[in-house]
Amino acid sequence: MSEEEKRTISVMIVDDHQIVRDGLRLAFEEAEDIVIVGEAGDGVEAVEKTRELKPDVVALDIDMPRMNGISAAREIRKFDTNTRILMLTMHENEAFVFDAATAGINGYLFKMAGMTEIIEAVRAAYVGNEVFSPKFFEIFSRHLVDHVEDEDGEVYLTKREREVVKLVAQGLTSKQIADKLFISFYTVKNHRKNIMQKLDLHSMNELADYAIEKGIYRPGVDDARSGDA
Protein backbone atom coordinates (compact mmCIF):
# COMPACT_ATOMS: atom_id res chain seq x y z
CA MET A 1 0.00 0.00 0.00
CA SER A 2 1.45 3.39 -1.01
CA GLU A 3 1.74 6.33 1.39
CA GLU A 4 -1.13 8.01 -0.49
CA GLU A 5 -3.37 4.99 0.13
CA LYS A 6 -2.63 4.72 3.84
CA ARG A 7 -5.21 6.10 6.22
CA THR A 8 -6.11 5.76 9.85
CA ILE A 9 -9.07 3.43 10.40
CA SER A 10 -11.67 4.91 12.74
CA VAL A 11 -13.29 2.29 14.97
CA MET A 12 -16.18 2.36 17.41
CA ILE A 13 -16.37 -0.33 20.12
CA VAL A 14 -19.81 -1.53 21.23
CA ASP A 15 -20.16 -3.88 24.20
CA ASP A 16 -22.20 -3.72 27.39
CA HIS A 17 -19.20 -4.77 29.51
CA GLN A 18 -16.77 -1.97 30.33
CA ILE A 19 -13.95 -4.43 30.90
CA VAL A 20 -14.34 -5.77 27.34
CA ARG A 21 -14.36 -2.27 25.87
CA ASP A 22 -11.24 -1.39 27.89
CA GLY A 23 -9.45 -4.51 26.65
CA LEU A 24 -10.32 -3.86 23.03
CA ARG A 25 -9.32 -0.22 23.33
CA LEU A 26 -5.91 -1.13 24.74
CA ALA A 27 -5.33 -3.64 21.96
CA PHE A 28 -6.45 -1.33 19.18
CA GLU A 29 -4.29 1.49 20.51
CA GLU A 30 -1.25 -0.70 19.85
CA ALA A 31 -2.07 -0.58 16.13
CA GLU A 32 -0.70 2.58 14.53
CA ASP A 33 -3.34 2.59 11.78
CA ILE A 34 -6.39 2.31 14.09
CA VAL A 35 -7.96 5.06 16.18
CA ILE A 36 -10.92 4.61 18.56
CA VAL A 37 -13.45 7.37 17.92
CA GLY A 38 -16.15 6.22 20.30
CA GLU A 39 -17.68 3.57 22.53
CA ALA A 40 -21.23 2.44 23.26
CA GLY A 41 -22.74 0.16 25.86
CA ASP A 42 -25.93 -0.92 24.07
CA GLY A 43 -27.52 -1.09 20.64
CA VAL A 44 -29.48 2.15 20.88
CA GLU A 45 -26.36 4.11 21.77
CA ALA A 46 -24.47 2.31 18.99
CA VAL A 47 -26.96 3.48 16.37
CA GLU A 48 -26.93 7.05 17.66
CA LYS A 49 -23.14 7.27 17.80
CA THR A 50 -22.69 5.65 14.39
CA ARG A 51 -24.95 8.31 12.90
CA GLU A 52 -22.97 11.02 14.71
CA LEU A 53 -19.37 9.78 14.40
CA LYS A 54 -19.51 7.87 11.09
CA PRO A 55 -16.75 5.39 12.02
CA ASP A 56 -15.11 3.27 9.34
CA VAL A 57 -15.68 0.09 11.38
CA VAL A 58 -18.04 -0.78 14.22
CA ALA A 59 -17.00 -3.72 16.43
CA LEU A 60 -20.41 -4.79 17.70
CA ASP A 61 -21.43 -7.25 20.42
CA ILE A 62 -24.76 -9.09 20.09
CA ASP A 63 -26.19 -9.68 23.55
CA MET A 64 -26.83 -6.18 24.96
CA PRO A 65 -29.61 -4.31 26.79
CA ARG A 66 -32.18 -2.00 25.16
CA MET A 67 -31.31 -3.17 21.62
CA ASN A 68 -29.20 -6.16 20.66
CA GLY A 69 -26.36 -5.96 18.15
CA ILE A 70 -28.27 -7.59 15.31
CA SER A 71 -31.12 -5.08 15.55
CA ALA A 72 -28.56 -2.27 15.84
CA ALA A 73 -26.83 -3.47 12.66
CA ARG A 74 -30.14 -3.41 10.80
CA GLU A 75 -30.88 0.12 12.04
CA ILE A 76 -27.41 1.32 11.03
CA ARG A 77 -27.86 -0.12 7.55
CA LYS A 78 -31.00 1.98 7.08
CA PHE A 79 -28.94 5.17 6.98
CA ASP A 80 -25.35 4.02 6.45
CA THR A 81 -24.12 1.52 3.88
CA ASN A 82 -20.47 2.52 4.16
CA THR A 83 -19.57 1.74 7.77
CA ARG A 84 -18.24 -1.79 8.07
CA ILE A 85 -19.89 -3.83 10.82
CA LEU A 86 -18.03 -6.62 12.61
CA MET A 87 -19.95 -8.77 15.06
CA LEU A 88 -17.68 -9.66 17.95
CA THR A 89 -19.45 -12.06 20.29
CA MET A 90 -19.12 -15.09 22.53
CA HIS A 91 -22.41 -16.58 21.33
CA GLU A 92 -22.58 -19.62 19.05
CA ASN A 93 -26.39 -19.59 19.06
CA GLU A 94 -27.77 -20.76 15.70
CA ALA A 95 -30.57 -18.19 15.66
CA PHE A 96 -28.11 -15.35 16.36
CA VAL A 97 -25.80 -16.52 13.58
CA PHE A 98 -28.64 -16.79 11.06
CA ASP A 99 -30.14 -13.42 11.99
CA ALA A 100 -26.73 -11.74 11.87
CA ALA A 101 -26.15 -13.10 8.37
CA THR A 102 -29.22 -11.20 7.15
CA ALA A 103 -28.45 -7.94 9.01
CA GLY A 104 -25.99 -6.45 6.55
CA ILE A 105 -22.87 -7.19 8.56
CA ASN A 106 -19.36 -7.57 7.09
CA GLY A 107 -17.93 -10.07 9.53
CA TYR A 108 -18.62 -12.33 12.51
CA LEU A 109 -15.88 -13.22 14.97
CA PHE A 110 -15.91 -14.94 18.33
CA LYS A 111 -14.36 -13.30 21.37
CA MET A 112 -12.03 -16.24 21.90
CA ALA A 113 -10.16 -15.04 18.80
CA GLY A 114 -6.76 -13.53 19.49
CA MET A 115 -6.36 -9.76 19.40
CA THR A 116 -4.05 -10.03 16.38
CA GLU A 117 -6.86 -11.80 14.51
CA ILE A 118 -9.38 -9.16 15.55
CA ILE A 119 -7.10 -6.30 14.50
CA GLU A 120 -6.47 -7.96 11.14
CA ALA A 121 -10.23 -8.45 10.74
CA VAL A 122 -10.76 -4.71 11.23
CA ARG A 123 -8.17 -3.97 8.57
CA ALA A 124 -9.64 -6.51 6.18
CA ALA A 125 -13.18 -5.19 6.66
CA TYR A 126 -11.98 -1.64 6.13
CA VAL A 127 -10.65 -2.45 2.64
CA GLY A 128 -13.88 -4.21 1.70
CA ASN A 129 -13.31 -7.85 2.58
CA GLU A 130 -15.82 -10.07 4.34
CA VAL A 131 -14.45 -11.50 7.60
CA PHE A 132 -16.36 -14.50 8.93
CA SER A 133 -15.01 -17.10 11.32
CA PRO A 134 -15.00 -20.69 9.98
CA LYS A 135 -17.17 -21.60 12.98
CA PHE A 136 -19.75 -19.08 11.71
CA PHE A 137 -20.20 -21.05 8.49
CA GLU A 138 -20.32 -24.32 10.40
CA ILE A 139 -23.13 -23.03 12.63
CA PHE A 140 -24.91 -21.35 9.73
CA SER A 141 -24.91 -24.56 7.69
CA ARG A 142 -26.22 -26.53 10.67
CA HIS A 143 -28.99 -23.97 11.12
CA LEU A 144 -30.10 -24.36 7.51
CA VAL A 145 -30.30 -28.13 7.93
CA ASP A 146 -32.17 -27.86 11.24
CA HIS A 147 -34.72 -25.31 10.07
CA VAL A 148 -36.18 -26.98 7.02
CA GLU A 149 -39.84 -27.78 7.36
CA ASP A 150 -40.66 -31.31 8.46
CA GLU A 151 -42.69 -33.69 6.29
CA ASP A 152 -45.93 -32.19 7.60
CA GLY A 153 -44.88 -28.70 6.58
CA GLU A 154 -44.33 -27.61 10.18
CA VAL A 155 -41.55 -25.17 11.05
CA TYR A 156 -38.73 -26.96 12.84
CA LEU A 157 -37.75 -25.71 16.29
CA THR A 158 -34.33 -26.44 17.76
CA LYS A 159 -34.03 -28.25 21.08
CA ARG A 160 -33.30 -24.95 22.88
CA GLU A 161 -36.26 -23.22 21.21
CA ARG A 162 -38.57 -26.04 22.31
CA GLU A 163 -37.28 -25.68 25.87
CA VAL A 164 -38.05 -21.96 25.81
CA VAL A 165 -41.52 -22.54 24.32
CA LYS A 166 -42.32 -25.09 27.02
CA LEU A 167 -41.23 -22.79 29.84
CA VAL A 168 -43.10 -19.82 28.39
CA ALA A 169 -46.23 -21.97 28.20
CA GLN A 170 -45.71 -22.89 31.86
CA GLY A 171 -45.92 -19.20 32.66
CA LEU A 172 -42.27 -18.55 33.51
CA THR A 173 -40.87 -15.06 32.96
CA SER A 174 -37.79 -14.43 30.83
CA LYS A 175 -35.73 -13.99 34.01
CA GLN A 176 -36.96 -17.31 35.40
CA ILE A 177 -36.26 -19.06 32.10
CA ALA A 178 -32.77 -17.59 31.99
CA ASP A 179 -32.06 -18.86 35.51
CA LYS A 180 -33.45 -22.32 34.74
CA LEU A 181 -31.52 -22.76 31.48
CA PHE A 182 -28.35 -21.02 32.71
CA ILE A 183 -28.39 -18.46 29.90
CA SER A 184 -28.67 -14.67 29.96
CA PHE A 185 -31.93 -12.74 30.20
CA TYR A 186 -31.20 -11.07 26.84
CA THR A 187 -30.59 -14.44 25.19
CA VAL A 188 -34.03 -15.57 26.34
CA LYS A 189 -35.60 -12.39 24.98
CA ASN A 190 -33.97 -13.02 21.61
CA HIS A 191 -35.13 -16.64 21.60
CA ARG A 192 -38.69 -15.56 22.33
CA LYS A 193 -38.61 -12.96 19.57
CA ASN A 194 -37.16 -15.42 17.04
CA ILE A 195 -39.67 -18.11 17.96
CA MET A 196 -42.63 -15.76 17.56
CA GLN A 197 -41.36 -14.61 14.17
CA LYS A 198 -40.59 -18.13 12.98
CA LEU A 199 -44.03 -19.44 13.97
CA ASP A 200 -45.85 -16.25 12.90
CA LEU A 201 -47.45 -15.91 16.33
CA HIS A 202 -48.39 -12.61 17.95
CA SER A 203 -49.08 -13.25 21.64
CA MET A 204 -47.97 -15.43 24.52
CA ASN A 205 -51.43 -17.02 24.57
CA GLU A 206 -50.97 -18.11 20.96
CA LEU A 207 -47.55 -19.51 21.83
CA ALA A 208 -48.99 -21.43 24.81
CA ASP A 209 -51.76 -22.84 22.58
CA TYR A 210 -49.11 -23.88 20.04
CA ALA A 211 -47.06 -25.61 22.74
CA ILE A 212 -50.08 -27.57 23.94
CA GLU A 213 -51.23 -28.45 20.41
CA LYS A 214 -47.78 -29.78 19.44
CA GLY A 215 -47.28 -31.65 22.69
CA ILE A 216 -44.33 -29.49 23.73
CA TYR A 217 -46.14 -28.57 26.94
CA ARG A 218 -48.55 -30.91 28.73
CA PRO A 219 -50.55 -29.00 31.34
CA GLY A 220 -50.53 -30.73 34.70
CA VAL A 221 -47.95 -33.34 33.72
CA ASP A 222 -45.07 -30.97 33.03
CA ASP A 223 -46.15 -28.64 35.84
CA ALA A 224 -46.00 -31.51 38.32
CA ARG A 225 -42.54 -32.57 37.16
CA SER A 226 -41.33 -29.00 37.37
CA GLY A 227 -42.60 -28.80 40.93
CA ASP A 228 -40.83 -32.01 41.89
CA ALA A 229 -37.57 -30.64 40.47
C-alpha atoms as a PDB file:
ATOM      1  CA  MET A   1       0.000   0.000   0.000  1.00  0.00           C
ATOM      2  CA  SER A   2       1.453   3.385  -1.010  1.00  0.00           C
ATOM      3  CA  GLU A   3       1.740   6.331   1.387  1.00  0.00           C
ATOM      4  CA  GLU A   4      -1.126   8.014  -0.485  1.00  0.00           C
ATOM      5  CA  GLU A   5      -3.369   4.988   0.131  1.00  0.00           C
ATOM      6  CA  LYS A   6      -2.629   4.724   3.841  1.00  0.00           C
ATOM      7  CA  ARG A   7      -5.213   6.099   6.219  1.00  0.00           C
ATOM      8  CA  THR A   8      -6.110   5.762   9.854  1.00  0.00           C
ATOM      9  CA  ILE A   9      -9.069   3.434  10.402  1.00  0.00           C
ATOM     10  CA  SER A  10     -11.668   4.912  12.741  1.00  0.00           C
ATOM     11  CA  VAL A  11     -13.288   2.294  14.968  1.00  0.00           C
ATOM     12  CA  MET A  12     -16.176   2.360  17.415  1.00  0.00           C
ATOM     13  CA  ILE A  13     -16.368  -0.328  20.120  1.00  0.00           C
ATOM     14  CA  VAL A  14     -19.809  -1.526  21.229  1.00  0.00           C
ATOM     15  CA  ASP A  15     -20.157  -3.880  24.197  1.00  0.00           C
ATOM     16  CA  ASP A  16     -22.196  -3.724  27.388  1.00  0.00           C
ATOM     17  CA  HIS A  17     -19.205  -4.769  29.510  1.00  0.00           C
ATOM     18  CA  GLN A  18     -16.765  -1.967  30.326  1.00  0.00           C
ATOM     19  CA  ILE A  19     -13.945  -4.431  30.901  1.00  0.00           C
ATOM     20  CA  VAL A  20     -14.339  -5.772  27.342  1.00  0.00           C
ATOM     21  CA  ARG A  21     -14.355  -2.270  25.869  1.00  0.00           C
ATOM     22  CA  ASP A  22     -11.241  -1.394  27.887  1.00  0.00           C
ATOM     23  CA  GLY A  23      -9.452  -4.508  26.652  1.00  0.00           C
ATOM     24  CA  LEU A  24     -10.316  -3.861  23.025  1.00  0.00           C
ATOM     25  CA  ARG A  25      -9.323  -0.217  23.329  1.00  0.00           C
ATOM     26  CA  LEU A  26      -5.906  -1.130  24.740  1.00  0.00           C
ATOM     27  CA  ALA A  27      -5.327  -3.642  21.964  1.00  0.00           C
ATOM     28  CA  PHE A  28      -6.453  -1.333  19.176  1.00  0.00           C
ATOM     29  CA  GLU A  29      -4.293   1.486  20.513  1.00  0.00           C
ATOM     30  CA  GLU A  30      -1.249  -0.703  19.852  1.00  0.00           C
ATOM     31  CA  ALA A  31      -2.068  -0.584  16.127  1.00  0.00           C
ATOM     32  CA  GLU A  32      -0.704   2.577  14.529  1.00  0.00           C
ATOM     33  CA  ASP A  33      -3.343   2.591  11.778  1.00  0.00           C
ATOM     34  CA  ILE A  34      -6.393   2.310  14.090  1.00  0.00           C
ATOM     35  CA  VAL A  35      -7.956   5.056  16.184  1.00  0.00           C
ATOM     36  CA  ILE A  36     -10.919   4.612  18.563  1.00  0.00           C
ATOM     37  CA  VAL A  37     -13.447   7.368  17.917  1.00  0.00           C
ATOM     38  CA  GLY A  38     -16.153   6.221  20.296  1.00  0.00           C
ATOM     39  CA  GLU A  39     -17.679   3.566  22.528  1.00  0.00           C
ATOM     40  CA  ALA A  40     -21.231   2.442  23.259  1.00  0.00           C
ATOM     41  CA  GLY A  41     -22.740   0.156  25.862  1.00  0.00           C
ATOM     42  CA  ASP A  42     -25.925  -0.923  24.074  1.00  0.00           C
ATOM     43  CA  GLY A  43     -27.516  -1.090  20.640  1.00  0.00           C
ATOM     44  CA  VAL A  44     -29.482   2.150  20.876  1.00  0.00           C
ATOM     45  CA  GLU A  45     -26.356   4.106  21.766  1.00  0.00           C
ATOM     46  CA  ALA A  46     -24.468   2.309  18.990  1.00  0.00           C
ATOM     47  CA  VAL A  47     -26.960   3.476  16.368  1.00  0.00           C
ATOM     48  CA  GLU A  48     -26.932   7.055  17.661  1.00  0.00           C
ATOM     49  CA  LYS A  49     -23.140   7.269  17.799  1.00  0.00           C
ATOM     50  CA  THR A  50     -22.688   5.655  14.388  1.00  0.00           C
ATOM     51  CA  ARG A  51     -24.946   8.309  12.905  1.00  0.00           C
ATOM     52  CA  GLU A  52     -22.966  11.022  14.714  1.00  0.00           C
ATOM     53  CA  LEU A  53     -19.369   9.782  14.404  1.00  0.00           C
ATOM     54  CA  LYS A  54     -19.506   7.867  11.094  1.00  0.00           C
ATOM     55  CA  PRO A  55     -16.745   5.386  12.022  1.00  0.00           C
ATOM     56  CA  ASP A  56     -15.112   3.267   9.339  1.00  0.00           C
ATOM     57  CA  VAL A  57     -15.676   0.093  11.375  1.00  0.00           C
ATOM     58  CA  VAL A  58     -18.043  -0.780  14.218  1.00  0.00           C
ATOM     59  CA  ALA A  59     -17.005  -3.717  16.427  1.00  0.00           C
ATOM     60  CA  LEU A  60     -20.405  -4.789  17.704  1.00  0.00           C
ATOM     61  CA  ASP A  61     -21.426  -7.246  20.422  1.00  0.00           C
ATOM     62  CA  ILE A  62     -24.764  -9.087  20.087  1.00  0.00           C
ATOM     63  CA  ASP A  63     -26.190  -9.684  23.546  1.00  0.00           C
ATOM     64  CA  MET A  64     -26.835  -6.184  24.963  1.00  0.00           C
ATOM     65  CA  PRO A  65     -29.613  -4.310  26.786  1.00  0.00           C
ATOM     66  CA  ARG A  66     -32.179  -2.001  25.156  1.00  0.00           C
ATOM     67  CA  MET A  67     -31.315  -3.172  21.617  1.00  0.00           C
ATOM     68  CA  ASN A  68     -29.202  -6.160  20.657  1.00  0.00           C
ATOM     69  CA  GLY A  69     -26.363  -5.956  18.152  1.00  0.00           C
ATOM     70  CA  ILE A  70     -28.274  -7.586  15.311  1.00  0.00           C
ATOM     71  CA  SER A  71     -31.115  -5.076  15.548  1.00  0.00           C
ATOM     72  CA  ALA A  72     -28.563  -2.274  15.837  1.00  0.00           C
ATOM     73  CA  ALA A  73     -26.829  -3.466  12.661  1.00  0.00           C
ATOM     74  CA  ARG A  74     -30.140  -3.412  10.803  1.00  0.00           C
ATOM     75  CA  GLU A  75     -30.883   0.115  12.045  1.00  0.00           C
ATOM     76  CA  ILE A  76     -27.413   1.323  11.031  1.00  0.00           C
ATOM     77  CA  ARG A  77     -27.864  -0.117   7.553  1.00  0.00           C
ATOM     78  CA  LYS A  78     -31.002   1.984   7.083  1.00  0.00           C
ATOM     79  CA  PHE A  79     -28.943   5.172   6.979  1.00  0.00           C
ATOM     80  CA  ASP A  80     -25.354   4.020   6.452  1.00  0.00           C
ATOM     81  CA  THR A  81     -24.120   1.521   3.883  1.00  0.00           C
ATOM     82  CA  ASN A  82     -20.467   2.520   4.155  1.00  0.00           C
ATOM     83  CA  THR A  83     -19.574   1.740   7.769  1.00  0.00           C
ATOM     84  CA  ARG A  84     -18.239  -1.789   8.065  1.00  0.00           C
ATOM     85  CA  ILE A  85     -19.894  -3.830  10.818  1.00  0.00           C
ATOM     86  CA  LEU A  86     -18.033  -6.619  12.607  1.00  0.00           C
ATOM     87  CA  MET A  87     -19.955  -8.767  15.059  1.00  0.00           C
ATOM     88  CA  LEU A  88     -17.683  -9.658  17.955  1.00  0.00           C
ATOM     89  CA  THR A  89     -19.452 -12.058  20.287  1.00  0.00           C
ATOM     90  CA  MET A  90     -19.125 -15.092  22.534  1.00  0.00           C
ATOM     91  CA  HIS A  91     -22.408 -16.582  21.326  1.00  0.00           C
ATOM     92  CA  GLU A  92     -22.585 -19.620  19.054  1.00  0.00           C
ATOM     93  CA  ASN A  93     -26.391 -19.588  19.064  1.00  0.00           C
ATOM     94  CA  GLU A  94     -27.767 -20.755  15.699  1.00  0.00           C
ATOM     95  CA  ALA A  95     -30.571 -18.191  15.655  1.00  0.00           C
ATOM     96  CA  PHE A  96     -28.110 -15.351  16.361  1.00  0.00           C
ATOM     97  CA  VAL A  97     -25.802 -16.515  13.580  1.00  0.00           C
ATOM     98  CA  PHE A  98     -28.639 -16.788  11.057  1.00  0.00           C
ATOM     99  CA  ASP A  99     -30.141 -13.422  11.987  1.00  0.00           C
ATOM    100  CA  ALA A 100     -26.727 -11.744  11.868  1.00  0.00           C
ATOM    101  CA  ALA A 101     -26.147 -13.103   8.371  1.00  0.00           C
ATOM    102  CA  THR A 102     -29.219 -11.202   7.155  1.00  0.00           C
ATOM    103  CA  ALA A 103     -28.452  -7.944   9.008  1.00  0.00           C
ATOM    104  CA  GLY A 104     -25.989  -6.447   6.547  1.00  0.00           C
ATOM    105  CA  ILE A 105     -22.866  -7.190   8.562  1.00  0.00           C
ATOM    106  CA  ASN A 106     -19.365  -7.567   7.093  1.00  0.00           C
ATOM    107  CA  GLY A 107     -17.932 -10.074   9.531  1.00  0.00           C
ATOM    108  CA  TYR A 108     -18.616 -12.330  12.511  1.00  0.00           C
ATOM    109  CA  LEU A 109     -15.875 -13.224  14.973  1.00  0.00           C
ATOM    110  CA  PHE A 110     -15.914 -14.943  18.326  1.00  0.00           C
ATOM    111  CA  LYS A 111     -14.358 -13.298  21.368  1.00  0.00           C
ATOM    112  CA  MET A 112     -12.029 -16.237  21.900  1.00  0.00           C
ATOM    113  CA  ALA A 113     -10.164 -15.043  18.800  1.00  0.00           C
ATOM    114  CA  GLY A 114      -6.764 -13.531  19.494  1.00  0.00           C
ATOM    115  CA  MET A 115      -6.360  -9.763  19.402  1.00  0.00           C
ATOM    116  CA  THR A 116      -4.053 -10.032  16.377  1.00  0.00           C
ATOM    117  CA  GLU A 117      -6.862 -11.798  14.509  1.00  0.00           C
ATOM    118  CA  ILE A 118      -9.379  -9.155  15.552  1.00  0.00           C
ATOM    119  CA  ILE A 119      -7.105  -6.298  14.496  1.00  0.00           C
ATOM    120  CA  GLU A 120      -6.466  -7.965  11.143  1.00  0.00           C
ATOM    121  CA  ALA A 121     -10.225  -8.449  10.740  1.00  0.00           C
ATOM    122  CA  VAL A 122     -10.759  -4.714  11.232  1.00  0.00           C
ATOM    123  CA  ARG A 123      -8.167  -3.966   8.570  1.00  0.00           C
ATOM    124  CA  ALA A 124      -9.639  -6.508   6.178  1.00  0.00           C
ATOM    125  CA  ALA A 125     -13.177  -5.195   6.663  1.00  0.00           C
ATOM    126  CA  TYR A 126     -11.983  -1.637   6.133  1.00  0.00           C
ATOM    127  CA  VAL A 127     -10.653  -2.447   2.644  1.00  0.00           C
ATOM    128  CA  GLY A 128     -13.883  -4.213   1.696  1.00  0.00           C
ATOM    129  CA  ASN A 129     -13.306  -7.846   2.577  1.00  0.00           C
ATOM    130  CA  GLU A 130     -15.817 -10.069   4.342  1.00  0.00           C
ATOM    131  CA  VAL A 131     -14.449 -11.504   7.598  1.00  0.00           C
ATOM    132  CA  PHE A 132     -16.360 -14.503   8.927  1.00  0.00           C
ATOM    133  CA  SER A 133     -15.011 -17.098  11.320  1.00  0.00           C
ATOM    134  CA  PRO A 134     -14.996 -20.693   9.983  1.00  0.00           C
ATOM    135  CA  LYS A 135     -17.169 -21.596  12.977  1.00  0.00           C
ATOM    136  CA  PHE A 136     -19.750 -19.075  11.712  1.00  0.00           C
ATOM    137  CA  PHE A 137     -20.203 -21.048   8.492  1.00  0.00           C
ATOM    138  CA  GLU A 138     -20.318 -24.319  10.398  1.00  0.00           C
ATOM    139  CA  ILE A 139     -23.129 -23.025  12.630  1.00  0.00           C
ATOM    140  CA  PHE A 140     -24.910 -21.346   9.728  1.00  0.00           C
ATOM    141  CA  SER A 141     -24.911 -24.562   7.689  1.00  0.00           C
ATOM    142  CA  ARG A 142     -26.220 -26.533  10.667  1.00  0.00           C
ATOM    143  CA  HIS A 143     -28.993 -23.972  11.121  1.00  0.00           C
ATOM    144  CA  LEU A 144     -30.105 -24.356   7.507  1.00  0.00           C
ATOM    145  CA  VAL A 145     -30.298 -28.126   7.934  1.00  0.00           C
ATOM    146  CA  ASP A 146     -32.173 -27.859  11.240  1.00  0.00           C
ATOM    147  CA  HIS A 147     -34.720 -25.307  10.066  1.00  0.00           C
ATOM    148  CA  VAL A 148     -36.178 -26.978   7.021  1.00  0.00           C
ATOM    149  CA  GLU A 149     -39.845 -27.784   7.361  1.00  0.00           C
ATOM    150  CA  ASP A 150     -40.658 -31.307   8.459  1.00  0.00           C
ATOM    151  CA  GLU A 151     -42.692 -33.692   6.294  1.00  0.00           C
ATOM    152  CA  ASP A 152     -45.926 -32.195   7.603  1.00  0.00           C
ATOM    153  CA  GLY A 153     -44.878 -28.695   6.584  1.00  0.00           C
ATOM    154  CA  GLU A 154     -44.329 -27.613  10.177  1.00  0.00           C
ATOM    155  CA  VAL A 155     -41.552 -25.168  11.045  1.00  0.00           C
ATOM    156  CA  TYR A 156     -38.733 -26.964  12.840  1.00  0.00           C
ATOM    157  CA  LEU A 157     -37.746 -25.707  16.293  1.00  0.00           C
ATOM    158  CA  THR A 158     -34.328 -26.443  17.758  1.00  0.00           C
ATOM    159  CA  LYS A 159     -34.029 -28.254  21.080  1.00  0.00           C
ATOM    160  CA  ARG A 160     -33.301 -24.954  22.881  1.00  0.00           C
ATOM    161  CA  GLU A 161     -36.260 -23.225  21.207  1.00  0.00           C
ATOM    162  CA  ARG A 162     -38.573 -26.039  22.311  1.00  0.00           C
ATOM    163  CA  GLU A 163     -37.275 -25.681  25.868  1.00  0.00           C
ATOM    164  CA  VAL A 164     -38.052 -21.964  25.810  1.00  0.00           C
ATOM    165  CA  VAL A 165     -41.516 -22.542  24.323  1.00  0.00           C
ATOM    166  CA  LYS A 166     -42.322 -25.093  27.022  1.00  0.00           C
ATOM    167  CA  LEU A 167     -41.228 -22.787  29.842  1.00  0.00           C
ATOM    168  CA  VAL A 168     -43.101 -19.817  28.389  1.00  0.00           C
ATOM    169  CA  ALA A 169     -46.231 -21.975  28.199  1.00  0.00           C
ATOM    170  CA  GLN A 170     -45.714 -22.891  31.858  1.00  0.00           C
ATOM    171  CA  GLY A 171     -45.916 -19.195  32.661  1.00  0.00           C
ATOM    172  CA  LEU A 172     -42.268 -18.547  33.506  1.00  0.00           C
ATOM    173  CA  THR A 173     -40.869 -15.059  32.963  1.00  0.00           C
ATOM    174  CA  SER A 174     -37.786 -14.430  30.829  1.00  0.00           C
ATOM    175  CA  LYS A 175     -35.732 -13.988  34.009  1.00  0.00           C
ATOM    176  CA  GLN A 176     -36.962 -17.312  35.400  1.00  0.00           C
ATOM    177  CA  ILE A 177     -36.264 -19.064  32.096  1.00  0.00           C
ATOM    178  CA  ALA A 178     -32.769 -17.589  31.994  1.00  0.00           C
ATOM    179  CA  ASP A 179     -32.059 -18.862  35.506  1.00  0.00           C
ATOM    180  CA  LYS A 180     -33.449 -22.315  34.740  1.00  0.00           C
ATOM    181  CA  LEU A 181     -31.521 -22.761  31.478  1.00  0.00           C
ATOM    182  CA  PHE A 182     -28.347 -21.018  32.713  1.00  0.00           C
ATOM    183  CA  ILE A 183     -28.392 -18.457  29.904  1.00  0.00           C
ATOM    184  CA  SER A 184     -28.666 -14.671  29.960  1.00  0.00           C
ATOM    185  CA  PHE A 185     -31.927 -12.738  30.202  1.00  0.00           C
ATOM    186  CA  TYR A 186     -31.204 -11.073  26.840  1.00  0.00           C
ATOM    187  CA  THR A 187     -30.587 -14.442  25.189  1.00  0.00           C
ATOM    188  CA  VAL A 188     -34.034 -15.572  26.344  1.00  0.00           C
ATOM    189  CA  LYS A 189     -35.601 -12.388  24.979  1.00  0.00           C
ATOM    190  CA  ASN A 190     -33.973 -13.023  21.606  1.00  0.00           C
ATOM    191  CA  HIS A 191     -35.132 -16.644  21.602  1.00  0.00           C
ATOM    192  CA  ARG A 192     -38.688 -15.558  22.327  1.00  0.00           C
ATOM    193  CA  LYS A 193     -38.610 -12.960  19.570  1.00  0.00           C
ATOM    194  CA  ASN A 194     -37.163 -15.416  17.037  1.00  0.00           C
ATOM    195  CA  ILE A 195     -39.671 -18.112  17.956  1.00  0.00           C
ATOM    196  CA  MET A 196     -42.628 -15.757  17.560  1.00  0.00           C
ATOM    197  CA  GLN A 197     -41.359 -14.606  14.166  1.00  0.00           C
ATOM    198  CA  LYS A 198     -40.586 -18.131  12.977  1.00  0.00           C
ATOM    199  CA  LEU A 199     -44.028 -19.439  13.972  1.00  0.00           C
ATOM    200  CA  ASP A 200     -45.845 -16.249  12.902  1.00  0.00           C
ATOM    201  CA  LEU A 201     -47.448 -15.909  16.328  1.00  0.00           C
ATOM    202  CA  HIS A 202     -48.388 -12.614  17.950  1.00  0.00           C
ATOM    203  CA  SER A 203     -49.075 -13.247  21.637  1.00  0.00           C
ATOM    204  CA  MET A 204     -47.966 -15.431  24.525  1.00  0.00           C
ATOM    205  CA  ASN A 205     -51.428 -17.023  24.573  1.00  0.00           C
ATOM    206  CA  GLU A 206     -50.968 -18.108  20.959  1.00  0.00           C
ATOM    207  CA  LEU A 207     -47.551 -19.514  21.834  1.00  0.00           C
ATOM    208  CA  ALA A 208     -48.990 -21.432  24.806  1.00  0.00           C
ATOM    209  CA  ASP A 209     -51.762 -22.835  22.584  1.00  0.00           C
ATOM    210  CA  TYR A 210     -49.112 -23.877  20.035  1.00  0.00           C
ATOM    211  CA  ALA A 211     -47.062 -25.609  22.742  1.00  0.00           C
ATOM    212  CA  ILE A 212     -50.084 -27.572  23.940  1.00  0.00           C
ATOM    213  CA  GLU A 213     -51.231 -28.455  20.415  1.00  0.00           C
ATOM    214  CA  LYS A 214     -47.785 -29.776  19.439  1.00  0.00           C
ATOM    215  CA  GLY A 215     -47.283 -31.652  22.689  1.00  0.00           C
ATOM    216  CA  ILE A 216     -44.329 -29.495  23.726  1.00  0.00           C
ATOM    217  CA  TYR A 217     -46.142 -28.571  26.937  1.00  0.00           C
ATOM    218  CA  ARG A 218     -48.550 -30.907  28.725  1.00  0.00           C
ATOM    219  CA  PRO A 219     -50.548 -29.001  31.345  1.00  0.00           C
ATOM    220  CA  GLY A 220     -50.534 -30.729  34.699  1.00  0.00           C
ATOM    221  CA  VAL A 221     -47.951 -33.339  33.719  1.00  0.00           C
ATOM    222  CA  ASP A 222     -45.072 -30.967  33.028  1.00  0.00           C
ATOM    223  CA  ASP A 223     -46.152 -28.643  35.835  1.00  0.00           C
ATOM    224  CA  ALA A 224     -46.003 -31.513  38.316  1.00  0.00           C
ATOM    225  CA  ARG A 225     -42.535 -32.566  37.157  1.00  0.00           C
ATOM    226  CA  SER A 226     -41.332 -29.005  37.369  1.00  0.00           C
ATOM    227  CA  GLY A 227     -42.597 -28.801  40.930  1.00  0.00           C
ATOM    228  CA  ASP A 228     -40.827 -32.010  41.891  1.00  0.00           C
ATOM    229  CA  ALA A 229     -37.571 -30.640  40.471  1.00  0.00           C
END
